[in-house]
Amino acid sequence: MKNKQLRLRMSERRFNKLKQYAEYADKTMTQVIDELIDTLPSIKNGDSDARGLANAELSSTNCPVNPAD
């Protein structure tokens, strides 16, 4: 499998949280992100309910008022 690269911007607070968790779990930050991505539901191409599902799941989570958080 060929790996892709992604440049990611995040707040310093989120970066530090990710770094601390990775150290605590004895994993790399990449491994932590990979595992979180693997928890996302699979969406089939052409699935008209996919957008509604994604929006419903996002709206049901506790989203910070400040996007930088």
PDB file of N, CA and C in Angstrom:
ATOM      1  N   MET A   1       0.843  -1.177   0.000  1.00  0.00           N
ATOM      2  CA  MET A   1       0.000   0.000   0.000  1.00  0.00           C
ATOM      3  C   MET A   1       0.893   1.246   0.000  1.00  0.00           C
ATOM      4  N   LYS A   2       0.625   2.131  -0.925  1.00  0.00           N
ATOM      5  CA  LYS A   2       1.382   3.379  -0.994  1.00  0.00           C
ATOM      6  C   LYS A   2       0.776   4.382  -0.012  1.00  0.00           C
ATOM      7  N   ASN A   3       1.618   4.979   0.788  1.00  0.00           N
ATOM      8  CA  ASN A   3       1.149   5.962   1.758  1.00  0.00           C
ATOM      9  C   ASN A   3       1.026   7.331   1.119  1.00  0.00           C
ATOM     10  N   LYS A   4       0.038   8.065   1.541  1.00  0.00           N
ATOM     11  CA  LYS A   4      -0.167   9.450   1.124  1.00  0.00           C
ATOM     12  C   LYS A   4       0.251  10.349   2.277  1.00  0.00           C
ATOM     13  N   GLN A   5       0.587  11.575   1.962  1.00  0.00           N
ATOM     14  CA  GLN A   5       0.929  12.542   2.993  1.00  0.00           C
ATOM     15  C   GLN A   5      -0.158  13.592   3.072  1.00  0.00           C
ATOM     16  N   LEU A   6      -0.392  14.071   4.281  1.00  0.00           N
ATOM     17  CA  LEU A   6      -1.381  15.103   4.527  1.00  0.00           C
ATOM     18  C   LEU A   6      -0.764  16.132   5.462  1.00  0.00           C
ATOM     19  N   ARG A   7      -0.816  17.367   5.049  1.00  0.00           N
ATOM     20  CA  ARG A   7      -0.349  18.443   5.928  1.00  0.00           C
ATOM     21  C   ARG A   7      -1.579  18.960   6.656  1.00  0.00           C
ATOM     22  N   LEU A   8      -1.506  18.987   7.963  1.00  0.00           N
ATOM     23  CA  LEU A   8      -2.671  19.277   8.785  1.00  0.00           C
ATOM     24  C   LEU A   8      -2.414  20.496   9.655  1.00  0.00           C
ATOM     25  N   ARG A   9      -3.369  21.404   9.695  1.00  0.00           N
ATOM     26  CA  ARG A   9      -3.276  22.558  10.582  1.00  0.00           C
ATOM     27  C   ARG A   9      -4.207  22.328  11.760  1.00  0.00           C
ATOM     28  N   MET A  10      -3.716  22.640  12.952  1.00  0.00           N
ATOM     29  CA  MET A  10      -4.551  22.540  14.145  1.00  0.00           C
ATOM     30  C   MET A  10      -4.023  23.512  15.186  1.00  0.00           C
ATOM     31  N   SER A  11      -4.858  23.776  16.163  1.00  0.00           N
ATOM     32  CA  SER A  11      -4.439  24.686  17.226  1.00  0.00           C
ATOM     33  C   SER A  11      -3.319  24.043  18.037  1.00  0.00           C
ATOM     34  N   GLU A  12      -2.570  24.878  18.709  1.00  0.00           N
ATOM     35  CA  GLU A  12      -1.493  24.368  19.560  1.00  0.00           C
ATOM     36  C   GLU A  12      -2.064  23.474  20.656  1.00  0.00           C
ATOM     37  N   ARG A  13      -3.243  23.832  21.165  1.00  0.00           N
ATOM     38  CA  ARG A  13      -3.882  23.034  22.205  1.00  0.00           C
ATOM     39  C   ARG A  13      -4.185  21.630  21.700  1.00  0.00           C
ATOM     40  N   ARG A  14      -4.746  21.529  20.502  1.00  0.00           N
ATOM     41  CA  ARG A  14      -5.048  20.209  19.938  1.00  0.00           C
ATOM     42  C   ARG A  14      -3.773  19.422  19.650  1.00  0.00           C
ATOM     43  N   PHE A  15      -2.760  20.108  19.132  1.00  0.00           N
ATOM     44  CA  PHE A  15      -1.487  19.444  18.860  1.00  0.00           C
ATOM     45  C   PHE A  15      -0.912  18.855  20.144  1.00  0.00           C
ATOM     46  N   ASN A  16      -0.903  19.661  21.208  1.00  0.00           N
ATOM     47  CA  ASN A  16      -0.361  19.183  22.482  1.00  0.00           C
ATOM     48  C   ASN A  16      -1.186  18.033  23.049  1.00  0.00           C
ATOM     49  N   LYS A  17      -2.492  18.112  22.886  1.00  0.00           N
ATOM     50  CA  LYS A  17      -3.363  17.030  23.360  1.00  0.00           C
ATOM     51  C   LYS A  17      -3.061  15.738  22.601  1.00  0.00           C
ATOM     52  N   LEU A  18      -2.918  15.834  21.294  1.00  0.00           N
ATOM     53  CA  LEU A  18      -2.586  14.669  20.473  1.00  0.00           C
ATOM     54  C   LEU A  18      -1.226  14.106  20.861  1.00  0.00           C
ATOM     55  N   LYS A  19      -0.260  14.976  21.022  1.00  0.00           N
ATOM     56  CA  LYS A  19       1.096  14.549  21.376  1.00  0.00           C
ATOM     57  C   LYS A  19       1.119  13.857  22.737  1.00  0.00           C
ATOM     58  N   GLN A  20       0.440  14.442  23.720  1.00  0.00           N
ATOM     59  CA  GLN A  20       0.398  13.846  25.056  1.00  0.00           C
ATOM     60  C   GLN A  20      -0.294  12.490  25.037  1.00  0.00           C
ATOM     61  N   TYR A  21      -1.409  12.393  24.300  1.00  0.00           N
ATOM     62  CA  TYR A  21      -2.110  11.113  24.232  1.00  0.00           C
ATOM     63  C   TYR A  21      -1.240  10.057  23.561  1.00  0.00           C
ATOM     64  N   ALA A  22      -0.571  10.428  22.486  1.00  0.00           N
ATOM     65  CA  ALA A  22       0.293   9.482  21.777  1.00  0.00           C
ATOM     66  C   ALA A  22       1.403   8.982  22.698  1.00  0.00           C
ATOM     67  N   GLU A  23       1.998   9.881  23.454  1.00  0.00           N
ATOM     68  CA  GLU A  23       3.043   9.469  24.396  1.00  0.00           C
ATOM     69  C   GLU A  23       2.477   8.547  25.467  1.00  0.00           C
ATOM     70  N   TYR A  24       1.297   8.888  25.995  1.00  0.00           N
ATOM     71  CA  TYR A  24       0.644   8.078  27.022  1.00  0.00           C
ATOM     72  C   TYR A  24       0.334   6.675  26.499  1.00  0.00           C
ATOM     73  N   ALA A  25      -0.145   6.605  25.251  1.00  0.00           N
ATOM     74  CA  ALA A  25      -0.530   5.324  24.645  1.00  0.00           C
ATOM     75  C   ALA A  25       0.656   4.603  24.012  1.00  0.00           C
ATOM     76  N   ASP A  26       1.846   5.190  24.085  1.00  0.00           N
ATOM     77  CA  ASP A  26       3.059   4.630  23.486  1.00  0.00           C
ATOM     78  C   ASP A  26       2.858   4.373  21.989  1.00  0.00           C
ATOM     79  N   LYS A  27       2.315   5.402  21.317  1.00  0.00           N
ATOM     80  CA  LYS A  27       2.065   5.338  19.878  1.00  0.00           C
ATOM     81  C   LYS A  27       2.584   6.613  19.245  1.00  0.00           C
ATOM     82  N   THR A  28       2.723   6.588  17.937  1.00  0.00           N
ATOM     83  CA  THR A  28       3.050   7.817  17.223  1.00  0.00           C
ATOM     84  C   THR A  28       1.763   8.613  17.026  1.00  0.00           C
ATOM     85  N   MET A  29       1.917   9.891  16.740  1.00  0.00           N
ATOM     86  CA  MET A  29       0.735  10.703  16.462  1.00  0.00           C
ATOM     87  C   MET A  29       0.032  10.186  15.210  1.00  0.00           C
ATOM     88  N   THR A  30       0.787   9.704  14.245  1.00  0.00           N
ATOM     89  CA  THR A  30       0.196   9.127  13.035  1.00  0.00           C
ATOM     90  C   THR A  30      -0.655   7.913  13.377  1.00  0.00           C
ATOM     91  N   GLN A  31      -0.168   7.054  14.267  1.00  0.00           N
ATOM     92  CA  GLN A  31      -0.941   5.875  14.656  1.00  0.00           C
ATOM     93  C   GLN A  31      -2.249   6.276  15.331  1.00  0.00           C
ATOM     94  N   VAL A  32      -2.207   7.291  16.187  1.00  0.00           N
ATOM     95  CA  VAL A  32      -3.419   7.753  16.868  1.00  0.00           C
ATOM     96  C   VAL A  32      -4.423   8.270  15.848  1.00  0.00           C
ATOM     97  N   ILE A  33      -3.969   9.088  14.905  1.00  0.00           N
ATOM     98  CA  ILE A  33      -4.862   9.633  13.879  1.00  0.00           C
ATOM     99  C   ILE A  33      -5.407   8.513  13.001  1.00  0.00           C
ATOM    100  N   ASP A  34      -4.559   7.563  12.597  1.00  0.00           N
ATOM    101  CA  ASP A  34      -5.019   6.420  11.794  1.00  0.00           C
ATOM    102  C   ASP A  34      -6.129   5.666  12.512  1.00  0.00           C
ATOM    103  N   GLU A  35      -5.949   5.415  13.803  1.00  0.00           N
ATOM    104  CA  GLU A  35      -6.953   4.673  14.563  1.00  0.00           C
ATOM    105  C   GLU A  35      -8.254   5.458  14.681  1.00  0.00           C
ATOM    106  N   LEU A  36      -8.164   6.770  14.855  1.00  0.00           N
ATOM    107  CA  LEU A  36      -9.379   7.585  14.915  1.00  0.00           C
ATOM    108  C   LEU A  36     -10.111   7.583  13.574  1.00  0.00           C
ATOM    109  N   ILE A  37      -9.367   7.664  12.484  1.00  0.00           N
ATOM    110  CA  ILE A  37      -9.980   7.626  11.156  1.00  0.00           C
ATOM    111  C   ILE A  37     -10.670   6.285  10.931  1.00  0.00           C
ATOM    112  N   ASP A  38     -10.061   5.208  11.418  1.00  0.00           N
ATOM    113  CA  ASP A  38     -10.660   3.883  11.256  1.00  0.00           C
ATOM    114  C   ASP A  38     -11.976   3.738  12.005  1.00  0.00           C
ATOM    115  N   THR A  39     -12.263   4.614  12.972  1.00  0.00           N
ATOM    116  CA  THR A  39     -13.539   4.551  13.687  1.00  0.00           C
ATOM    117  C   THR A  39     -14.669   5.250  12.930  1.00  0.00           C
ATOM    118  N   LEU A  40     -14.335   6.009  11.880  1.00  0.00           N
ATOM    119  CA  LEU A  40     -15.366   6.683  11.084  1.00  0.00           C
ATOM    120  C   LEU A  40     -16.186   5.652  10.322  1.00  0.00           C
ATOM    121  N   PRO A  41     -17.493   5.894  10.175  1.00  0.00           N
ATOM    122  CA  PRO A  41     -18.308   4.939   9.416  1.00  0.00           C
ATOM    123  C   PRO A  41     -17.940   4.960   7.941  1.00  0.00           C
ATOM    124  N   SER A  42     -18.047   3.807   7.311  1.00  0.00           N
ATOM    125  CA  SER A  42     -17.799   3.719   5.868  1.00  0.00           C
ATOM    126  C   SER A  42     -18.997   4.279   5.130  1.00  0.00           C
ATOM    127  N   ILE A  43     -18.730   5.023   4.069  1.00  0.00           N
ATOM    128  CA  ILE A  43     -19.792   5.612   3.259  1.00  0.00           C
ATOM    129  C   ILE A  43     -19.622   5.121   1.839  1.00  0.00           C
ATOM    130  N   LYS A  44     -20.676   4.525   1.301  1.00  0.00           N
ATOM    131  CA  LYS A  44     -20.635   3.999  -0.062  1.00  0.00           C
ATOM    132  C   LYS A  44     -20.802   5.143  -1.054  1.00  0.00           C
ATOM    133  N   ASN A  45     -20.128   5.047  -2.192  1.00  0.00           N
ATOM    134  CA  ASN A  45     -20.283   6.048  -3.252  1.00  0.00           C
ATOM    135  C   ASN A  45     -21.716   6.042  -3.747  1.00  0.00           C
ATOM    136  N   GLY A  46     -22.258   7.218  -3.965  1.00  0.00           N
ATOM    137  CA  GLY A  46     -23.617   7.331  -4.468  1.00  0.00           C
ATOM    138  C   GLY A  46     -24.674   7.171  -3.397  1.00  0.00           C
ATOM    139  N   ASP A  47     -24.280   7.076  -2.144  1.00  0.00           N
ATOM    140  CA  ASP A  47     -25.229   6.915  -1.047  1.00  0.00           C
ATOM    141  C   ASP A  47     -25.838   8.274  -0.732  1.00  0.00           C
ATOM    142  N   SER A  48     -27.109   8.455  -1.064  1.00  0.00           N
ATOM    143  CA  SER A  48     -27.757   9.748  -0.866  1.00  0.00           C
ATOM    144  C   SER A  48     -27.930  10.073   0.610  1.00  0.00           C
ATOM    145  N   ASP A  49     -27.912   9.060   1.471  1.00  0.00           N
ATOM    146  CA  ASP A  49     -28.055   9.298   2.900  1.00  0.00           C
ATOM    147  C   ASP A  49     -26.723   9.616   3.571  1.00  0.00           C
ATOM    148  N   ALA A  50     -25.628   9.488   2.852  1.00  0.00           N
ATOM    149  CA  ALA A  50     -24.305   9.659   3.448  1.00  0.00           C
ATOM    150  C   ALA A  50     -24.115  11.062   4.003  1.00  0.00           C
ATOM    151  N   ARG A  51     -24.520  12.068   3.262  1.00  0.00           N
ATOM    152  CA  ARG A  51     -24.341  13.444   3.725  1.00  0.00           C
ATOM    153  C   ARG A  51     -25.207  13.705   4.948  1.00  0.00           C
ATOM    154  N   GLY A  52     -26.424  13.231   4.931  1.00  0.00           N
ATOM    155  CA  GLY A  52     -27.295  13.401   6.090  1.00  0.00           C
ATOM    156  C   GLY A  52     -26.743  12.694   7.309  1.00  0.00           C
ATOM    157  N   LEU A  53     -26.193  11.494   7.115  1.00  0.00           N
ATOM    158  CA  LEU A  53     -25.595  10.742   8.216  1.00  0.00           C
ATOM    159  C   LEU A  53     -24.412  11.503   8.794  1.00  0.00           C
ATOM    160  N   ALA A  54     -23.542  11.984   7.941  1.00  0.00           N
ATOM    161  CA  ALA A  54     -22.364  12.712   8.412  1.00  0.00           C
ATOM    162  C   ALA A  54     -22.776  13.982   9.147  1.00  0.00           C
ATOM    163  N   ASN A  55     -23.733  14.714   8.611  1.00  0.00           N
ATOM    164  CA  ASN A  55     -24.182  15.942   9.263  1.00  0.00           C
ATOM    165  C   ASN A  55     -24.868  15.648  10.583  1.00  0.00           C
ATOM    166  N   ALA A  56     -25.655  14.582  10.640  1.00  0.00           N
ATOM    167  CA  ALA A  56     -26.336  14.222  11.876  1.00  0.00           C
ATOM    168  C   ALA A  56     -25.328  13.851  12.953  1.00  0.00           C
ATOM    169  N   GLU A  57     -24.306  13.097  12.574  1.00  0.00           N
ATOM    170  CA  GLU A  57     -23.300  12.701  13.552  1.00  0.00           C
ATOM    171  C   GLU A  57     -22.509  13.901  14.033  1.00  0.00           C
ATOM    172  N   LEU A  58     -22.193  14.825  13.146  1.00  0.00           N
ATOM    173  CA  LEU A  58     -21.451  16.014  13.545  1.00  0.00           C
ATOM    174  C   LEU A  58     -22.288  16.893  14.457  1.00  0.00           C
ATOM    175  N   SER A  59     -23.567  17.034  14.163  1.00  0.00           N
ATOM    176  CA  SER A  59     -24.396  17.909  14.972  1.00  0.00           C
ATOM    177  C   SER A  59     -24.699  17.305  16.329  1.00  0.00           C
ATOM    178  N   SER A  60     -24.554  15.986  16.471  1.00  0.00           N
ATOM    179  CA  SER A  60     -24.837  15.359  17.748  1.00  0.00           C
ATOM    180  C   SER A  60     -23.625  15.341  18.670  1.00  0.00           C
ATOM    181  N   THR A  61     -22.468  15.761  18.163  1.00  0.00           N
ATOM    182  CA  THR A  61     -21.274  15.797  19.000  1.00  0.00           C
ATOM    183  C   THR A  61     -21.161  17.155  19.659  1.00  0.00           C
ATOM    184  N   ASN A  62     -20.414  17.217  20.720  1.00  0.00           N
ATOM    185  CA  ASN A  62     -20.178  18.490  21.393  1.00  0.00           C
ATOM    186  C   ASN A  62     -19.117  19.256  20.629  1.00  0.00           C
ATOM    187  N   CYS A  63     -19.543  20.191  19.820  1.00  0.00           N
ATOM    188  CA  CYS A  63     -18.620  20.999  19.030  1.00  0.00           C
ATOM    189  C   CYS A  63     -18.339  22.286  19.787  1.00  0.00           C
ATOM    190  N   PRO A  64     -17.094  22.685  19.876  1.00  0.00           N
ATOM    191  CA  PRO A  64     -16.782  23.929  20.570  1.00  0.00           C
ATOM    192  C   PRO A  64     -17.319  25.124  19.797  1.00  0.00           C
ATOM    193  N   VAL A  65     -17.652  26.159  20.525  1.00  0.00           N
ATOM    194  CA  VAL A  65     -18.118  27.383  19.890  1.00  0.00           C
ATOM    195  C   VAL A  65     -16.984  28.010  19.100  1.00  0.00           C
ATOM    196  N   ASN A  66     -15.789  27.948  19.648  1.00  0.00           N
ATOM    197  CA  ASN A  66     -14.614  28.499  18.986  1.00  0.00           C
ATOM    198  C   ASN A  66     -13.960  27.402  18.161  1.00  0.00           C
ATOM    199  N   PRO A  67     -13.947  27.507  16.832  1.00  0.00           N
ATOM    200  CA  PRO A  67     -13.362  26.458  16.004  1.00  0.00           C
ATOM    201  C   PRO A  67     -11.881  26.211  16.283  1.00  0.00           C
ATOM    202  N   ALA A  68     -11.205  27.163  16.901  1.00  0.00           N
ATOM    203  CA  ALA A  68      -9.790  26.963  17.230  1.00  0.00           C
ATOM    204  C   ALA A  68      -9.623  25.975  18.371  1.00  0.00           C
ATOM    205  N   ASP A  69     -10.697  25.704  19.104  1.00  0.00           N
ATOM    206  CA  ASP A  69     -10.616  24.749  20.218  1.00  0.00           C
ATOM    207  C   ASP A  69     -10.693  23.396  19.681  1.00  0.00           C
TER     208      ASP A  69
END
